[in-house]
Amino acid sequence: MPRQVDFPEAEYAALEKTGNAALSGRLTLDTASGTVVGGGETISVAPVTTYSAEAAEQALAGRAVERADPRARAYTHTTRTDGNGYFMLRGLPSGNFYVSGSLVDPTSGQRRVIIHEVGLRDGQHREIQLNR
């Protein structure tokens, strides 16, 4: 789906790209047959902006979103989960972020997107459960 919100240069220019905060957690999906662990999946941490909010809204609605502008990707941090679904990201700036991951629901065979909004303060290490 084409983006409706143009890349907001001024909004991103006010953001830091790196810092000393950290985020760790686990990617899981609750199904009727139990909890599915998201091993070997990509976790993305993107600052909350008008641009990223549009993408998050579309992804949660199950709609494909046009790839992000390379300038926005410069502010996005990524990592992969280990075999048990755990992840760790260091060097994050303070601010509000969308933390996202996806995994296949074995009951439907469909990939499910999970997005949580998380606030980080300077130097903070926050642990979350990225679960749906």
Foldseek 3Di string as FASTA:
>chain_A
DEDPDDDDPVVVVPDDQFAFEKEKEFEWEQDPVGIDGQAFWKKKKFADDPRVVRVVVCVQVVHDYDDDDVVRVSSMDMDTAHRRRMDMDGGHAFHKIWIKIWDADVVVRDIHIFIDIDGGHGNYYYYDYRYD
